[in-house]
Protein backbone atom coordinates (compact mmCIF):
# COMPACT_ATOMS: atom_id res chain seq x y z
CA UNK A 1 0.00 0.00 0.00
CA UNK A 2 1.37 3.41 -0.94
CA UNK A 3 0.78 6.89 0.45
CA UNK A 4 -1.67 7.53 -2.43
CA UNK A 5 -3.71 4.52 -1.32
CA UNK A 6 -3.81 5.81 2.26
CA UNK A 7 -4.92 9.26 1.06
CA UNK A 8 -7.67 7.63 -1.03
CA UNK A 9 -8.92 5.69 2.02
CA UNK A 10 -8.93 8.86 4.13
CA UNK A 11 -10.78 10.83 1.43
CA UNK A 12 -13.50 8.19 1.33
CA UNK A 13 -13.91 7.66 5.07
CA UNK A 14 -12.71 10.70 7.06
CA UNK A 15 -14.98 13.36 5.58
CA UNK A 16 -12.24 16.00 5.75
CA UNK A 17 -12.60 19.30 3.90
CA UNK A 18 -9.06 19.00 2.56
CA UNK A 19 -6.36 16.33 2.53
CA UNK A 20 -2.84 16.95 1.38
CA UNK A 21 0.79 16.26 2.06
CA UNK A 22 3.28 18.52 3.78
CA UNK A 23 6.87 19.13 2.73
CA UNK A 24 8.08 16.64 5.32
CA UNK A 25 5.92 13.91 3.77
CA UNK A 26 3.22 13.84 6.45
CA UNK A 27 -0.47 13.77 5.53
CA UNK A 28 -2.56 16.75 6.71
CA UNK A 29 -6.34 16.57 7.10
CA UNK A 30 -8.50 19.64 7.78
CA UNK A 31 -12.18 20.03 8.68
CA UNK A 32 -13.58 23.55 8.51
CA UNK A 33 -16.16 24.87 10.95
CA UNK A 34 -18.19 27.96 11.68
CA UNK A 35 -20.04 26.46 14.64
CA UNK A 36 -18.54 23.60 16.64
CA UNK A 37 -21.81 21.69 17.32
CA UNK A 38 -20.13 19.66 20.07
CA UNK A 39 -17.19 18.55 17.97
CA UNK A 40 -13.52 19.17 18.72
CA UNK A 41 -10.03 18.24 17.54
CA UNK A 42 -9.86 15.15 19.77
CA UNK A 43 -12.93 13.64 18.10
CA UNK A 44 -11.40 14.20 14.65
CA UNK A 45 -8.12 12.66 15.81
CA UNK A 46 -9.97 9.63 17.20
CA UNK A 47 -11.85 9.21 13.91
CA UNK A 48 -8.60 9.17 11.93
CA UNK A 49 -7.02 6.73 14.38
CA UNK A 50 -9.99 4.35 14.01
CA UNK A 51 -9.88 4.47 10.20
CA UNK A 52 -6.15 3.79 9.96
CA UNK A 53 -6.23 1.08 12.62
CA UNK A 54 -9.12 -0.67 10.87
CA UNK A 55 -7.04 -0.84 7.67
CA UNK A 56 -3.89 -2.02 9.53
CA UNK A 57 -1.89 1.04 8.46
CA UNK A 58 1.06 1.82 10.77
CA UNK A 59 1.00 5.51 11.67
CA UNK A 60 1.80 8.11 14.28
CA UNK A 61 -0.18 11.29 14.97
CA UNK A 62 2.41 14.03 14.48
CA UNK A 63 0.10 16.90 15.45
CA UNK A 64 -3.54 17.75 15.93
CA UNK A 65 -5.52 20.70 17.11
CA UNK A 66 -7.77 23.62 16.27
CA UNK A 67 -7.07 26.86 14.47
CA UNK A 68 -9.55 29.65 15.09
CA UNK A 69 -9.80 32.61 12.72
CA UNK A 70 -12.36 35.36 12.45
CA UNK A 71 -14.74 34.93 9.52
CA UNK A 72 -13.57 36.22 6.16
CA UNK A 73 -15.72 35.39 3.17
CA UNK A 74 -13.84 33.53 0.44
CA UNK A 75 -10.87 32.58 2.63
CA UNK A 76 -9.28 29.19 2.02
CA UNK A 77 -9.81 26.39 4.50
CA UNK A 78 -6.23 26.73 5.76
CA UNK A 79 -6.92 30.40 6.56
CA UNK A 80 -10.34 29.78 8.15
CA UNK A 81 -11.34 28.13 11.41
CA UNK A 82 -10.59 24.42 11.21
CA UNK A 83 -9.56 21.30 13.06
CA UNK A 84 -6.48 19.51 11.78
CA UNK A 85 -4.73 16.17 12.15
CA UNK A 86 -1.23 15.54 10.82
CA UNK A 87 -0.27 11.89 10.26
CA UNK A 88 3.15 10.37 9.85
CA UNK A 89 3.11 6.99 8.10
CA UNK A 90 5.62 4.61 9.65
CA UNK A 91 6.14 2.57 6.50
CA UNK A 92 6.06 4.07 3.00
CA UNK A 93 5.30 0.95 0.92
CA UNK A 94 4.13 -2.40 2.22
């Protein structure tokens, strides 16, 4: 399984607003929000952990949290309020 396969699985199951890779090779998932509705970064992190564990993908959570920004119409997800989870895959190709 390659990193592209892992990203495909996450796109299908995580429901993130954006998924991409960072310069260091880690996978970054972001979920935008305007209202929290009882959700937080820990719940998103748990969801990602469950998905990757169910598919037997070795990983480590490099970072997770919440970025709050005041509303600006038309701003990108990275510049808006969002929760994020950064994943480091422990093996590149299986």
